[in-house]
Amino acid sequence: MEKVKIERINELARKRKAEGLTQEEAAEQDALRKEYIQGFRDNLQQVLDSVVLQRPDGTKQKLQKKG
């Protein structure tokens, strides 16, 4: 996520605590938060996809999703 968008999320959070948000600002904050969370999840999934376990016998195996 772009730094500008993260700064905007923080700016809206500060404004919400100080004086409250308009409906448009609340909708913008919600959309930005959803985008941030999705980016975080995508990044975490990439990390988990690249993890390889090495067994005591020396074999290597990628992580697999549970059912």
PDB file of N, CA and C in Angstrom:
ATOM      1  N   MET A   1       0.847  -1.173   0.000  1.00  0.00           N
ATOM      2  CA  MET A   1       0.000   0.000   0.000  1.00  0.00           C
ATOM      3  C   MET A   1       0.895   1.238   0.000  1.00  0.00           C
ATOM      4  N   GLU A   2       0.450   2.229  -0.685  1.00  0.00           N
ATOM      5  CA  GLU A   2       1.227   3.457  -0.814  1.00  0.00           C
ATOM      6  C   GLU A   2       1.282   4.212   0.516  1.00  0.00           C
ATOM      7  N   LYS A   3       2.393   4.873   0.734  1.00  0.00           N
ATOM      8  CA  LYS A   3       2.596   5.622   1.976  1.00  0.00           C
ATOM      9  C   LYS A   3       1.542   6.711   2.144  1.00  0.00           C
ATOM     10  N   VAL A   4       1.137   7.315   1.062  1.00  0.00           N
ATOM     11  CA  VAL A   4       0.141   8.390   1.100  1.00  0.00           C
ATOM     12  C   VAL A   4      -1.183   7.866   1.663  1.00  0.00           C
ATOM     13  N   LYS A   5      -1.558   6.658   1.267  1.00  0.00           N
ATOM     14  CA  LYS A   5      -2.809   6.078   1.743  1.00  0.00           C
ATOM     15  C   LYS A   5      -2.724   5.736   3.228  1.00  0.00           C
ATOM     16  N   ILE A   6      -1.588   5.233   3.669  1.00  0.00           N
ATOM     17  CA  ILE A   6      -1.406   4.922   5.084  1.00  0.00           C
ATOM     18  C   ILE A   6      -1.480   6.200   5.915  1.00  0.00           C
ATOM     19  N   GLU A   7      -0.857   7.257   5.420  1.00  0.00           N
ATOM     20  CA  GLU A   7      -0.923   8.542   6.111  1.00  0.00           C
ATOM     21  C   GLU A   7      -2.366   9.044   6.188  1.00  0.00           C
ATOM     22  N   ARG A   8      -3.132   8.822   5.137  1.00  0.00           N
ATOM     23  CA  ARG A   8      -4.534   9.247   5.126  1.00  0.00           C
ATOM     24  C   ARG A   8      -5.339   8.449   6.157  1.00  0.00           C
ATOM     25  N   ILE A   9      -5.076   7.145   6.266  1.00  0.00           N
ATOM     26  CA  ILE A   9      -5.752   6.319   7.279  1.00  0.00           C
ATOM     27  C   ILE A   9      -5.481   6.899   8.664  1.00  0.00           C
ATOM     28  N   ASN A  10      -4.217   7.207   8.936  1.00  0.00           N
ATOM     29  CA  ASN A  10      -3.845   7.758  10.236  1.00  0.00           C
ATOM     30  C   ASN A  10      -4.469   9.127  10.480  1.00  0.00           C
ATOM     31  N   GLU A  11      -4.517   9.938   9.436  1.00  0.00           N
ATOM     32  CA  GLU A  11      -5.119  11.268   9.551  1.00  0.00           C
ATOM     33  C   GLU A  11      -6.606  11.164   9.896  1.00  0.00           C
ATOM     34  N   LEU A  12      -7.297  10.254   9.223  1.00  0.00           N
ATOM     35  CA  LEU A  12      -8.718  10.068   9.503  1.00  0.00           C
ATOM     36  C   LEU A  12      -8.939   9.500  10.909  1.00  0.00           C
ATOM     37  N   ALA A  13      -8.054   8.644  11.361  1.00  0.00           N
ATOM     38  CA  ALA A  13      -8.172   8.089  12.722  1.00  0.00           C
ATOM     39  C   ALA A  13      -8.015   9.188  13.763  1.00  0.00           C
ATOM     40  N   ARG A  14      -7.039  10.068  13.553  1.00  0.00           N
ATOM     41  CA  ARG A  14      -6.849  11.179  14.491  1.00  0.00           C
ATOM     42  C   ARG A  14      -8.062  12.105  14.489  1.00  0.00           C
ATOM     43  N   LYS A  15      -8.584  12.386  13.308  1.00  0.00           N
ATOM     44  CA  LYS A  15      -9.743  13.279  13.205  1.00  0.00           C
ATOM     45  C   LYS A  15     -10.967  12.646  13.862  1.00  0.00           C
ATOM     46  N   ARG A  16     -11.114  11.336  13.698  1.00  0.00           N
ATOM     47  CA  ARG A  16     -12.254  10.637  14.292  1.00  0.00           C
ATOM     48  C   ARG A  16     -12.238  10.771  15.815  1.00  0.00           C
ATOM     49  N   LYS A  17     -11.055  10.650  16.413  1.00  0.00           N
ATOM     50  CA  LYS A  17     -10.934  10.780  17.864  1.00  0.00           C
ATOM     51  C   LYS A  17     -11.173  12.217  18.317  1.00  0.00           C
ATOM     52  N   ALA A  18     -10.690  13.165  17.530  1.00  0.00           N
ATOM     53  CA  ALA A  18     -10.747  14.565  17.933  1.00  0.00           C
ATOM     54  C   ALA A  18     -12.134  15.180  17.751  1.00  0.00           C
ATOM     55  N   GLU A  19     -12.725  15.002  16.574  1.00  0.00           N
ATOM     56  CA  GLU A  19     -13.969  15.710  16.292  1.00  0.00           C
ATOM     57  C   GLU A  19     -15.024  14.893  15.585  1.00  0.00           C
ATOM     58  N   GLY A  20     -14.702  13.696  15.170  1.00  0.00           N
ATOM     59  CA  GLY A  20     -15.661  12.867  14.448  1.00  0.00           C
ATOM     60  C   GLY A  20     -15.495  13.013  12.944  1.00  0.00           C
ATOM     61  N   LEU A  21     -16.091  12.082  12.219  1.00  0.00           N
ATOM     62  CA  LEU A  21     -15.974  12.062  10.762  1.00  0.00           C
ATOM     63  C   LEU A  21     -17.333  12.262  10.110  1.00  0.00           C
ATOM     64  N   THR A  22     -17.316  12.829   8.915  1.00  0.00           N
ATOM     65  CA  THR A  22     -18.534  12.902   8.111  1.00  0.00           C
ATOM     66  C   THR A  22     -18.790  11.511   7.538  1.00  0.00           C
ATOM     67  N   GLN A  23     -19.954  11.319   6.960  1.00  0.00           N
ATOM     68  CA  GLN A  23     -20.264  10.017   6.357  1.00  0.00           C
ATOM     69  C   GLN A  23     -19.292   9.683   5.231  1.00  0.00           C
ATOM     70  N   GLU A  24     -18.930  10.681   4.446  1.00  0.00           N
ATOM     71  CA  GLU A  24     -18.001  10.452   3.338  1.00  0.00           C
ATOM     72  C   GLU A  24     -16.622  10.058   3.857  1.00  0.00           C
ATOM     73  N   GLU A  25     -16.173  10.719   4.906  1.00  0.00           N
ATOM     74  CA  GLU A  25     -14.868  10.400   5.484  1.00  0.00           C
ATOM     75  C   GLU A  25     -14.876   9.018   6.131  1.00  0.00           C
ATOM     76  N   ALA A  26     -15.977   8.665   6.780  1.00  0.00           N
ATOM     77  CA  ALA A  26     -16.087   7.342   7.395  1.00  0.00           C
ATOM     78  C   ALA A  26     -16.053   6.253   6.322  1.00  0.00           C
ATOM     79  N   ALA A  27     -16.727   6.503   5.194  1.00  0.00           N
ATOM     80  CA  ALA A  27     -16.726   5.545   4.092  1.00  0.00           C
ATOM     81  C   ALA A  27     -15.317   5.426   3.496  1.00  0.00           C
ATOM     82  N   GLU A  28     -14.635   6.554   3.364  1.00  0.00           N
ATOM     83  CA  GLU A  28     -13.264   6.547   2.846  1.00  0.00           C
ATOM     84  C   GLU A  28     -12.352   5.769   3.794  1.00  0.00           C
ATOM     85  N   GLN A  29     -12.499   6.006   5.098  1.00  0.00           N
ATOM     86  CA  GLN A  29     -11.676   5.312   6.084  1.00  0.00           C
ATOM     87  C   GLN A  29     -11.922   3.806   6.009  1.00  0.00           C
ATOM     88  N   ASP A  30     -13.172   3.407   5.893  1.00  0.00           N
ATOM     89  CA  ASP A  30     -13.516   1.993   5.809  1.00  0.00           C
ATOM     90  C   ASP A  30     -12.903   1.348   4.565  1.00  0.00           C
ATOM     91  N   ALA A  31     -12.991   2.029   3.426  1.00  0.00           N
ATOM     92  CA  ALA A  31     -12.434   1.505   2.183  1.00  0.00           C
ATOM     93  C   ALA A  31     -10.910   1.384   2.269  1.00  0.00           C
ATOM     94  N   LEU A  32     -10.262   2.401   2.845  1.00  0.00           N
ATOM     95  CA  LEU A  32      -8.812   2.362   2.985  1.00  0.00           C
ATOM     96  C   LEU A  32      -8.371   1.245   3.929  1.00  0.00           C
ATOM     97  N   ARG A  33      -9.102   1.061   5.009  1.00  0.00           N
ATOM     98  CA  ARG A  33      -8.778  -0.013   5.953  1.00  0.00           C
ATOM     99  C   ARG A  33      -8.912  -1.380   5.297  1.00  0.00           C
ATOM    100  N   LYS A  34      -9.982  -1.575   4.532  1.00  0.00           N
ATOM    101  CA  LYS A  34     -10.181  -2.852   3.836  1.00  0.00           C
ATOM    102  C   LYS A  34      -9.054  -3.117   2.855  1.00  0.00           C
ATOM    103  N   GLU A  35      -8.637  -2.076   2.126  1.00  0.00           N
ATOM    104  CA  GLU A  35      -7.531  -2.219   1.174  1.00  0.00           C
ATOM    105  C   GLU A  35      -6.236  -2.574   1.905  1.00  0.00           C
ATOM    106  N   TYR A  36      -5.995  -1.921   3.046  1.00  0.00           N
ATOM    107  CA  TYR A  36      -4.792  -2.185   3.841  1.00  0.00           C
ATOM    108  C   TYR A  36      -4.781  -3.629   4.349  1.00  0.00           C
ATOM    109  N   ILE A  37      -5.907  -4.074   4.879  1.00  0.00           N
ATOM    110  CA  ILE A  37      -5.999  -5.439   5.414  1.00  0.00           C
ATOM    111  C   ILE A  37      -5.818  -6.464   4.297  1.00  0.00           C
ATOM    112  N   GLN A  38      -6.402  -6.219   3.136  1.00  0.00           N
ATOM    113  CA  GLN A  38      -6.249  -7.153   2.019  1.00  0.00           C
ATOM    114  C   GLN A  38      -4.792  -7.232   1.578  1.00  0.00           C
ATOM    115  N   GLY A  39      -4.118  -6.101   1.531  1.00  0.00           N
ATOM    116  CA  GLY A  39      -2.691  -6.088   1.177  1.00  0.00           C
ATOM    117  C   GLY A  39      -1.864  -6.844   2.195  1.00  0.00           C
ATOM    118  N   PHE A  40      -2.199  -6.691   3.476  1.00  0.00           N
ATOM    119  CA  PHE A  40      -1.503  -7.417   4.538  1.00  0.00           C
ATOM    120  C   PHE A  40      -1.701  -8.916   4.377  1.00  0.00           C
ATOM    121  N   ARG A  41      -2.933  -9.321   4.133  1.00  0.00           N
ATOM    122  CA  ARG A  41      -3.230 -10.749   3.961  1.00  0.00           C
ATOM    123  C   ARG A  41      -2.511 -11.325   2.745  1.00  0.00           C
ATOM    124  N   ASP A  42      -2.513 -10.595   1.637  1.00  0.00           N
ATOM    125  CA  ASP A  42      -1.826 -11.059   0.433  1.00  0.00           C
ATOM    126  C   ASP A  42      -0.339 -11.238   0.694  1.00  0.00           C
ATOM    127  N   ASN A  43       0.273 -10.282   1.399  1.00  0.00           N
ATOM    128  CA  ASN A  43       1.693 -10.365   1.717  1.00  0.00           C
ATOM    129  C   ASN A  43       1.977 -11.564   2.614  1.00  0.00           C
ATOM    130  N   LEU A  44       1.146 -11.767   3.630  1.00  0.00           N
ATOM    131  CA  LEU A  44       1.321 -12.900   4.533  1.00  0.00           C
ATOM    132  C   LEU A  44       1.200 -14.221   3.771  1.00  0.00           C
ATOM    133  N   GLN A  45       0.257 -14.293   2.842  1.00  0.00           N
ATOM    134  CA  GLN A  45       0.088 -15.508   2.051  1.00  0.00           C
ATOM    135  C   GLN A  45       1.325 -15.789   1.206  1.00  0.00           C
ATOM    136  N   GLN A  46       1.930 -14.762   0.632  1.00  0.00           N
ATOM    137  CA  GLN A  46       3.159 -14.938  -0.143  1.00  0.00           C
ATOM    138  C   GLN A  46       4.277 -15.470   0.738  1.00  0.00           C
ATOM    139  N   VAL A  47       4.381 -14.951   1.954  1.00  0.00           N
ATOM    140  CA  VAL A  47       5.404 -15.420   2.879  1.00  0.00           C
ATOM    141  C   VAL A  47       5.177 -16.890   3.220  1.00  0.00           C
ATOM    142  N   LEU A  48       3.938 -17.233   3.547  1.00  0.00           N
ATOM    143  CA  LEU A  48       3.634 -18.613   3.910  1.00  0.00           C
ATOM    144  C   LEU A  48       3.841 -19.567   2.731  1.00  0.00           C
ATOM    145  N   ASP A  49       3.556 -19.106   1.515  1.00  0.00           N
ATOM    146  CA  ASP A  49       3.762 -19.939   0.332  1.00  0.00           C
ATOM    147  C   ASP A  49       5.241 -20.245   0.086  1.00  0.00           C
ATOM    148  N   SER A  50       6.123 -19.393   0.592  1.00  0.00           N
ATOM    149  CA  SER A  50       7.549 -19.601   0.352  1.00  0.00           C
ATOM    150  C   SER A  50       8.243 -20.373   1.483  1.00  0.00           C
ATOM    151  N   VAL A  51       7.498 -20.714   2.537  1.00  0.00           N
ATOM    152  CA  VAL A  51       8.082 -21.437   3.675  1.00  0.00           C
ATOM    153  C   VAL A  51       8.241 -22.906   3.323  1.00  0.00           C
ATOM    154  N   VAL A  52       9.421 -23.439   3.625  1.00  0.00           N
ATOM    155  CA  VAL A  52       9.706 -24.853   3.397  1.00  0.00           C
ATOM    156  C   VAL A  52      10.172 -25.453   4.715  1.00  0.00           C
ATOM    157  N   LEU A  53       9.551 -26.563   5.092  1.00  0.00           N
ATOM    158  CA  LEU A  53       9.933 -27.265   6.315  1.00  0.00           C
ATOM    159  C   LEU A  53      10.978 -28.329   5.989  1.00  0.00           C
ATOM    160  N   GLN A  54      11.993 -28.426   6.828  1.00  0.00           N
ATOM    161  CA  GLN A  54      12.977 -29.473   6.654  1.00  0.00           C
ATOM    162  C   GLN A  54      12.776 -30.493   7.770  1.00  0.00           C
ATOM    163  N   ARG A  55      12.485 -31.703   7.380  1.00  0.00           N
ATOM    164  CA  ARG A  55      12.237 -32.788   8.326  1.00  0.00           C
ATOM    165  C   ARG A  55      13.559 -33.293   8.904  1.00  0.00           C
ATOM    166  N   PRO A  56      13.496 -33.991  10.038  1.00  0.00           N
ATOM    167  CA  PRO A  56      14.731 -34.526  10.639  1.00  0.00           C
ATOM    168  C   PRO A  56      15.518 -35.450   9.702  1.00  0.00           C
ATOM    169  N   ASP A  57      14.814 -36.113   8.773  1.00  0.00           N
ATOM    170  CA  ASP A  57      15.514 -37.002   7.845  1.00  0.00           C
ATOM    171  C   ASP A  57      16.122 -36.262   6.653  1.00  0.00           C
ATOM    172  N   GLY A  58      15.970 -34.933   6.614  1.00  0.00           N
ATOM    173  CA  GLY A  58      16.583 -34.127   5.565  1.00  0.00           C
ATOM    174  C   GLY A  58      15.667 -33.777   4.417  1.00  0.00           C
ATOM    175  N   THR A  59      14.490 -34.378   4.361  1.00  0.00           N
ATOM    176  CA  THR A  59      13.569 -34.051   3.275  1.00  0.00           C
ATOM    177  C   THR A  59      12.954 -32.674   3.512  1.00  0.00           C
ATOM    178  N   LYS A  60      12.582 -32.025   2.421  1.00  0.00           N
ATOM    179  CA  LYS A  60      11.984 -30.697   2.499  1.00  0.00           C
ATOM    180  C   LYS A  60      10.564 -30.774   1.974  1.00  0.00           C
ATOM    181  N   GLN A  61       9.677 -30.027   2.613  1.00  0.00           N
ATOM    182  CA  GLN A  61       8.282 -30.033   2.235  1.00  0.00           C
ATOM    183  C   GLN A  61       7.691 -28.638   2.415  1.00  0.00           C
ATOM    184  N   LYS A  62       6.930 -28.185   1.414  1.00  0.00           N
ATOM    185  CA  LYS A  62       6.255 -26.899   1.522  1.00  0.00           C
ATOM    186  C   LYS A  62       5.092 -27.016   2.504  1.00  0.00           C
ATOM    187  N   LEU A  63       4.737 -25.892   3.118  1.00  0.00           N
ATOM    188  CA  LEU A  63       3.565 -25.864   3.984  1.00  0.00           C
ATOM    189  C   LEU A  63       2.316 -26.135   3.152  1.00  0.00           C
ATOM    190  N   GLN A  64       1.368 -26.820   3.758  1.00  0.00           N
ATOM    191  CA  GLN A  64       0.099 -27.083   3.083  1.00  0.00           C
ATOM    192  C   GLN A  64      -1.036 -26.551   3.948  1.00  0.00           C
ATOM    193  N   LYS A  65      -2.076 -26.091   3.269  1.00  0.00           N
ATOM    194  CA  LYS A  65      -3.248 -25.590   3.983  1.00  0.00           C
ATOM    195  C   LYS A  65      -3.983 -26.757   4.621  1.00  0.00           C
ATOM    196  N   LYS A  66      -4.526 -26.498   5.796  1.00  0.00           N
ATOM    197  CA  LYS A  66      -5.363 -27.497   6.432  1.00  0.00           C
ATOM    198  C   LYS A  66      -6.748 -27.427   5.816  1.00  0.00           C
ATOM    199  N   GLY A  67      -7.361 -28.580   5.707  1.00  0.00           N
ATOM    200  CA  GLY A  67      -8.687 -28.782   5.144  1.00  0.00           C
ATOM    201  C   GLY A  67      -9.568 -27.662   5.201  1.00  0.00           C
TER     202      GLY A  67
END
